[in-house]
Structures are given as structure tokens and as C-alpha cells.
Protein backbone atom coordinates (compact mmCIF):
# COMPACT_ATOMS: atom_id res chain seq x y z
CA UNK A 1 27.68 -28.30 -0.95
CA UNK A 2 24.25 -27.74 -2.83
CA UNK A 3 24.83 -26.29 -6.10
CA UNK A 4 23.07 -23.10 -7.19
CA UNK A 5 20.86 -25.35 -9.47
CA UNK A 6 19.22 -26.87 -6.78
CA UNK A 7 16.67 -23.80 -5.94
CA UNK A 8 16.78 -22.82 -9.93
CA UNK A 9 13.36 -22.53 -11.18
CA UNK A 10 11.92 -24.50 -14.00
CA UNK A 11 12.10 -22.40 -17.53
CA UNK A 12 9.02 -22.08 -19.08
CA UNK A 13 8.40 -21.32 -22.63
CA UNK A 14 6.80 -18.28 -23.11
CA UNK A 15 8.47 -15.03 -23.20
CA UNK A 16 5.72 -13.35 -21.68
CA UNK A 17 5.70 -14.66 -17.84
CA UNK A 18 3.02 -12.47 -16.09
CA UNK A 19 0.65 -9.98 -17.72
CA UNK A 20 -2.51 -7.55 -16.71
CA UNK A 21 -4.58 -6.96 -19.36
CA UNK A 22 -6.98 -4.36 -19.14
CA UNK A 23 -7.59 -4.83 -15.54
CA UNK A 24 -9.35 -2.24 -13.34
CA UNK A 25 -10.09 -2.74 -9.73
CA UNK A 26 -12.68 -1.19 -8.00
CA UNK A 27 -13.44 -1.08 -4.32
CA UNK A 28 -16.86 -0.58 -2.34
CA UNK A 29 -17.34 2.81 -0.58
CA UNK A 30 -17.27 2.99 3.11
CA UNK A 31 -18.60 5.62 5.63
CA UNK A 32 -20.50 7.08 3.02
CA UNK A 33 -17.79 7.40 0.69
CA UNK A 34 -18.18 6.16 -2.86
CA UNK A 35 -16.43 3.45 -4.55
CA UNK A 36 -12.94 3.92 -5.20
CA UNK A 37 -11.15 3.05 -8.78
CA UNK A 38 -7.54 2.25 -7.70
CA UNK A 39 -6.47 0.77 -11.13
CA UNK A 40 -8.23 1.71 -14.39
CA UNK A 41 -7.27 0.40 -18.35
CA UNK A 42 -4.18 -1.01 -16.85
CA UNK A 43 -1.89 -3.25 -19.03
CA UNK A 44 1.66 -4.80 -18.04
CA UNK A 45 3.49 -7.43 -19.34
CA UNK A 46 6.32 -9.16 -17.80
CA UNK A 47 8.87 -11.23 -19.43
CA UNK A 48 10.93 -14.28 -18.24
CA UNK A 49 13.77 -13.68 -15.88
CA UNK A 50 13.54 -9.86 -15.76
CA UNK A 51 13.80 -7.32 -13.08
CA UNK A 52 10.83 -5.20 -13.48
CA UNK A 53 9.95 -2.17 -10.88
CA UNK A 54 6.95 -0.05 -10.25
CA UNK A 55 7.26 3.34 -9.06
CA UNK A 56 4.54 5.64 -8.69
CA UNK A 57 2.41 8.51 -6.44
CA UNK A 58 1.30 7.42 -3.31
CA UNK A 59 -1.89 5.64 -3.04
CA UNK A 60 -1.64 5.42 -7.06
CA UNK A 61 -2.58 1.11 -6.40
CA UNK A 62 1.01 -0.44 -6.63
CA UNK A 63 0.10 -2.95 -4.04
CA UNK A 64 -3.43 -3.03 -5.74
CA UNK A 65 -1.40 -4.40 -8.90
CA UNK A 66 1.04 -6.75 -7.12
CA UNK A 67 -1.77 -8.11 -4.62
CA UNK A 68 -3.65 -9.18 -8.43
CA UNK A 69 -0.39 -10.37 -10.00
CA UNK A 70 0.02 -12.63 -6.69
CA UNK A 71 -3.45 -13.93 -6.81
CA UNK A 72 -4.49 -11.92 -3.51
CA UNK A 73 -7.30 -9.83 -5.17
CA UNK A 74 -9.34 -10.53 -8.55
CA UNK A 75 -9.71 -7.51 -10.98
CA UNK A 76 -13.14 -5.84 -11.12
CA UNK A 77 -12.48 -6.25 -14.90
CA UNK A 78 -9.51 -7.41 -17.16
CA UNK A 79 -7.27 -10.68 -16.72
CA UNK A 80 -4.81 -11.62 -14.85
CA UNK A 81 -2.38 -14.42 -16.24
CA UNK A 82 0.95 -16.16 -15.13
CA UNK A 83 2.62 -18.72 -17.31
CA UNK A 84 -0.69 -18.46 -19.71
CA UNK A 85 -2.76 -19.48 -17.56
CA UNK A 86 -5.51 -17.24 -15.93
CA UNK A 87 -5.11 -16.44 -11.94
CA UNK A 88 -8.23 -17.07 -10.16
CA UNK A 89 -7.67 -15.33 -6.87
CA UNK A 90 -5.21 -17.76 -5.27
CA UNK A 91 -1.46 -17.71 -5.40
CA UNK A 92 -0.66 -20.11 -8.27
CA UNK A 93 2.41 -22.64 -7.16
CA UNK A 94 5.56 -20.82 -8.39
CA UNK A 95 4.88 -17.12 -7.36
CA UNK A 96 6.30 -16.16 -3.91
CA UNK A 97 5.45 -12.86 -1.81
CA UNK A 98 7.42 -10.87 0.31
CA UNK A 99 6.13 -8.37 2.18
CA UNK A 100 7.21 -4.55 3.64
CA UNK A 101 6.33 -5.53 6.96
CA UNK A 102 8.71 -7.98 9.16
CA UNK A 103 6.99 -11.25 8.89
CA UNK A 104 9.14 -13.37 10.61
CA UNK A 105 7.81 -15.28 13.97
CA UNK A 106 9.19 -14.31 16.92
CA UNK A 107 8.55 -17.75 18.58
CA UNK A 108 10.64 -19.40 15.95
CA UNK A 109 14.36 -19.68 15.15
CA UNK A 110 16.05 -18.55 11.72
CA UNK A 111 15.69 -21.97 10.66
CA UNK A 112 12.16 -22.67 11.75
CA UNK A 113 10.89 -19.63 10.21
CA UNK A 114 12.58 -20.53 6.96
CA UNK A 115 11.40 -23.87 7.02
CA UNK A 116 7.43 -22.84 8.25
CA UNK A 117 5.66 -22.80 4.84
CA UNK A 118 7.97 -26.09 3.87
CA UNK A 119 6.02 -28.01 6.57
CA UNK A 120 2.88 -26.80 6.08
CA UNK A 121 3.30 -28.45 2.54
CA UNK A 122 4.20 -31.51 3.74
CA UNK A 123 7.89 -31.88 2.30
CA UNK A 124 9.73 -34.51 3.32
CA UNK A 125 11.76 -33.55 6.14
CA UNK A 126 15.58 -34.36 4.11
CA UNK A 127 14.41 -32.07 1.85
CA UNK A 128 13.23 -29.43 4.14
CA UNK A 129 16.69 -29.27 5.69
CA UNK A 130 18.45 -29.11 2.27
CA UNK A 131 16.41 -26.27 1.12
CA UNK A 132 16.56 -24.60 4.59
CA UNK A 133 20.48 -25.05 4.88
CA UNK A 134 21.22 -24.05 1.31
CA UNK A 135 18.89 -21.00 1.98
CA UNK A 136 20.76 -20.08 5.27
CA UNK A 137 23.88 -20.09 3.67
CA UNK A 138 23.02 -18.08 0.31
CA UNK A 139 21.47 -15.09 2.45
CA UNK A 140 24.42 -14.88 4.73
CA UNK A 141 22.44 -16.18 8.02
CA UNK A 142 25.22 -19.23 8.66
CA UNK A 143 25.98 -18.77 12.64
CA UNK A 144 22.75 -17.58 13.36
CA UNK A 145 20.60 -20.79 12.48
CA UNK A 146 19.40 -20.99 16.37
CA UNK A 147 18.83 -16.88 16.95
CA UNK A 148 15.31 -16.04 17.27
CA UNK A 149 13.97 -12.56 15.22
CA UNK A 150 14.46 -10.03 18.02
CA UNK A 151 18.03 -11.15 18.31
CA UNK A 152 18.68 -9.90 14.65
CA UNK A 153 19.06 -6.21 12.68
CA UNK A 154 16.08 -5.41 10.46
CA UNK A 155 18.20 -6.03 7.42
CA UNK A 156 18.40 -9.83 8.51
CA UNK A 157 15.28 -10.35 9.75
CA UNK A 158 14.58 -9.29 6.51
CA UNK A 159 16.72 -12.02 4.67
CA UNK A 160 14.84 -14.84 7.03
CA UNK A 161 11.47 -13.35 5.32
CA UNK A 162 13.30 -13.95 1.79
CA UNK A 163 14.57 -16.93 2.51
CA UNK A 164 11.35 -18.47 3.94
CA UNK A 165 10.31 -17.48 0.21
CA UNK A 166 13.27 -18.75 -1.69
CA UNK A 167 12.93 -22.37 -0.50
CA UNK A 168 9.52 -22.43 -2.06
CA UNK A 169 11.61 -22.59 -5.33
CA UNK A 170 9.34 -19.40 -6.96
CA UNK A 171 10.14 -19.06 -10.34
CA UNK A 172 8.21 -15.03 -9.89
CA UNK A 173 8.95 -13.36 -6.77
CA UNK A 174 6.57 -10.64 -6.08
CA UNK A 175 8.04 -7.77 -3.54
CA UNK A 176 5.93 -5.21 -1.97
CA UNK A 177 9.05 -2.36 -0.44
CA UNK A 178 10.62 -4.95 1.06
CA UNK A 179 13.34 -2.64 2.32
CA UNK A 180 11.50 0.45 2.75
CA UNK A 181 11.75 0.47 6.77
CA UNK A 182 15.35 0.49 6.33
CA UNK A 183 18.18 2.69 6.08
CA UNK A 184 19.81 4.13 2.95
CA UNK A 185 23.06 2.22 3.47
CA UNK A 186 21.47 -1.15 4.62
CA UNK A 187 18.97 -1.06 1.27
CA UNK A 188 21.73 -0.40 -0.65
CA UNK A 189 23.66 -3.59 0.39
CA UNK A 190 20.32 -5.46 0.49
CA UNK A 191 19.86 -4.73 -2.83
CA UNK A 192 23.26 -6.39 -3.50
CA UNK A 193 21.85 -8.97 -2.52
CA UNK A 194 18.62 -9.02 -4.01
CA UNK A 195 20.28 -8.99 -7.37
CA UNK A 196 22.44 -11.92 -6.71
CA UNK A 197 19.37 -13.87 -5.76
CA UNK A 198 17.34 -12.72 -8.58
CA UNK A 199 20.65 -13.90 -10.97
CA UNK A 200 21.05 -17.19 -9.41
CA UNK A 201 17.55 -18.46 -9.36
CA UNK A 202 16.58 -16.67 -12.48
CA UNK A 203 13.50 -16.40 -11.01
CA UNK A 204 11.08 -13.19 -12.81
CA UNK A 205 11.40 -10.20 -10.19
CA UNK A 206 8.39 -7.69 -9.73
CA UNK A 207 9.28 -4.94 -7.28
CA UNK A 208 7.32 -2.26 -6.22
CA UNK A 209 9.55 0.90 -4.12
CA UNK A 210 8.67 4.41 -3.70
CA UNK A 211 12.58 5.00 -3.79
CA UNK A 212 13.62 5.95 -7.38
CA UNK A 213 17.08 4.95 -6.83
CA UNK A 214 16.24 1.83 -5.57
CA UNK A 215 14.11 1.02 -8.56
CA UNK A 216 16.94 2.41 -10.82
CA UNK A 217 19.66 0.08 -9.76
CA UNK A 218 17.84 -2.82 -9.28
CA UNK A 219 15.63 -2.99 -12.61
CA UNK A 220 15.99 -4.14 -16.34
CA UNK A 221 12.66 -1.85 -16.52
CA UNK A 222 10.77 0.37 -14.73
CA UNK A 223 7.11 1.09 -14.85
CA UNK A 224 6.06 4.42 -14.11
CA UNK A 225 2.40 4.71 -12.84
CA UNK A 226 -0.02 7.79 -12.73
CA UNK A 227 -1.95 9.00 -10.07
CA UNK A 228 -5.43 7.71 -8.91
CA UNK A 229 -6.57 5.77 -10.51
CA UNK A 230 -3.36 3.99 -11.36
CA UNK A 231 -2.10 2.94 -14.76
CA UNK A 232 1.29 2.93 -16.78
CA UNK A 233 2.28 5.95 -18.43
CA UNK A 234 5.76 5.09 -19.08
CA UNK A 235 8.07 1.99 -19.25
CA UNK A 236 12.00 2.91 -19.02
CA UNK A 237 14.74 0.58 -20.06
CA UNK A 238 17.47 0.96 -18.13
CA UNK A 239 19.69 -0.85 -20.01
CA UNK A 240 21.84 -1.92 -17.14
CA UNK A 241 24.37 -5.08 -17.53
CA UNK A 242 22.88 -8.19 -15.54
CA UNK A 243 26.03 -8.48 -13.52
CA UNK A 244 25.14 -5.08 -11.25
CA UNK A 245 25.36 -4.01 -8.18
CA UNK A 246 25.53 -0.78 -5.91
CA UNK A 247 28.22 0.81 -7.50
CA UNK A 248 26.47 1.48 -10.22
CA UNK A 249 24.64 4.35 -8.41
CA UNK A 250 28.81 6.32 -8.90
CA UNK A 251 28.07 6.83 -12.96
CA UNK A 252 26.71 9.95 -14.00
CA UNK A 253 24.03 8.11 -16.30
CA UNK A 254 22.24 6.72 -13.15
CA UNK A 255 21.46 10.14 -11.70
CA UNK A 256 20.72 11.22 -15.10
CA UNK A 257 18.01 8.44 -15.13
CA UNK A 258 16.84 9.12 -11.61
CA UNK A 259 15.99 12.27 -12.78
CA UNK A 260 14.39 11.48 -15.99
CA UNK A 261 11.57 9.17 -13.26
CA UNK A 262 11.31 12.09 -11.56
CA UNK A 263 10.55 14.18 -14.04
CA UNK A 264 7.59 12.01 -15.08
CA UNK A 265 6.20 11.38 -11.36
CA UNK A 266 6.53 14.90 -10.35
CA UNK A 267 3.19 16.05 -12.16
CA UNK A 268 1.33 12.86 -10.76
CA UNK A 269 2.55 13.09 -7.18
CA UNK A 270 1.37 16.81 -7.18
CA UNK A 271 -2.15 15.55 -8.73
CA UNK A 272 -2.31 13.02 -5.89
CA UNK A 273 -1.46 15.22 -3.02
CA UNK A 274 -4.22 17.37 -4.09
CA UNK A 275 -1.52 20.19 -5.41
CA UNK A 276 -2.28 22.61 -8.28
CA UNK A 277 -0.82 22.97 -11.76
């Protein structure tokens, strides 16, 4: 049986794993509209091995923030850095990204979906089999190796997508509302699985969500964003133990922290919707 250490990322010395320094991002206008500044003067530092979530009003630039950290986009001003190196506009080795949309390939089986990126990188077939077999077991997909995405539930398809990221052994996992399309109960259970993955691999996780309770449950720290142009207006330390799961939601202090998040976001959300104070 393959040990968890087989997929454990290499440890890096720096306590700051990734960061954005004085970042602004402006998109050119279209249709007669002027340019749009999505982010302005944003600073954020992510600690190695932590689970960091971001919440904010609609249109505040959360996904833009993720794109910058992933190397999928370059800042208009400022710097994006990963493990002490500038992110130059391409996804650096060691970073894995999971999006909200179902990114499984409908014509491939579960095993072939998970192996897809490894095969494109020319990894040795025996190593591919080892990693895929481990990921299938780790993600609770044993018995579904030959199933196609259409035969799976939404939660299982998302586990396939996470498995495809896991086999690349990322040290830094970026997730853009990966459970947004799931019902509340499934989201809570998927959150438990994600926390288990985080603990077992030791990866740094950057997680975007619109659900305050989800951010509260999963996170060591939560960054709260303003209305556009987005900036971090507060960073909250949750204080939860590393060995946590969805039973945390039963505790009174869980509701208090969720209420605190909403008190920070309520006015920013009104601004985002164009409501008057």
C-alpha cells in the first residue's frame, strides 16, 4: 500500500509561500466602456502549509486574484511571487488549480481523467499508475475506475478533478469555488475530504468561496475583500484546530465568527450592488 508520503510535497524553507505585493489589475474597456480596475493596491502573504480562504462581494476580483497567483494572468502593477520567485505569466511547477466548473473529460474514464495531465508531461507509465491508484483510493473513488463522468454524481466528478490535481504533487493548491454547484450537505462533506487532503499532503491551499460558513469551516485565515476595486480589508485568524471537520459548525463560536464575517461584508456587498447606505 502506498503511503501518504508518496504524494507529500517537498518542504520549502520560506515561511511565506506565495504573495502579492502592491498588486493592481486593470482590464481594457470594451463596447464603448472605459477600462475596469479589478484590483488596486492589494497585498497578501500566504504562509507555507496554511489553509487560506478569500470571501468578498460579487465582482470584487476574487477570481482575478487567483489567476494572478496561478500565473494565468500578470498584474498591471506590483508583483506576484511563489517560493521566492516572481510568477511570470505561466503556471509555475508546484502549483495546481481546481475550478468551479466540472473540468472532467466526458469521453475518459475516472482513471484516464486523473492520469491525463501526467501523461501529457511524459511521466513514466509505472509512476503514473502508482500515483493514479493512490489518488483513486485517497479520493474515495475505488470501484469507479472505469466509470465515465456521466455515471457519477456532481460531488464525485469534483473529486475526480481534485484527484487530477493531486497526482501532480502540487505544493500550492488554488481552488476557485470548487463546491459552488453542490448542495449544502454535499459541500460540507466535500469540505471534510478537502481538509483531510490538506492535512495529509501538507500543501498550502488558497480557496475562493462566496459561502461564509464554508470559509469559516475550512480556513486557518480568511481574507475579506472590499467591493471593486478589490483589496483586503481584514484578515481573520479562525483559531480552529488543524484536526477539524464539519462538526465544527455545531459550536457556538462558529456562528459568532460567521456573523463577524457578514458584518464586515454587508456594507461592501451593498456597495457592489449599487445600493445606497
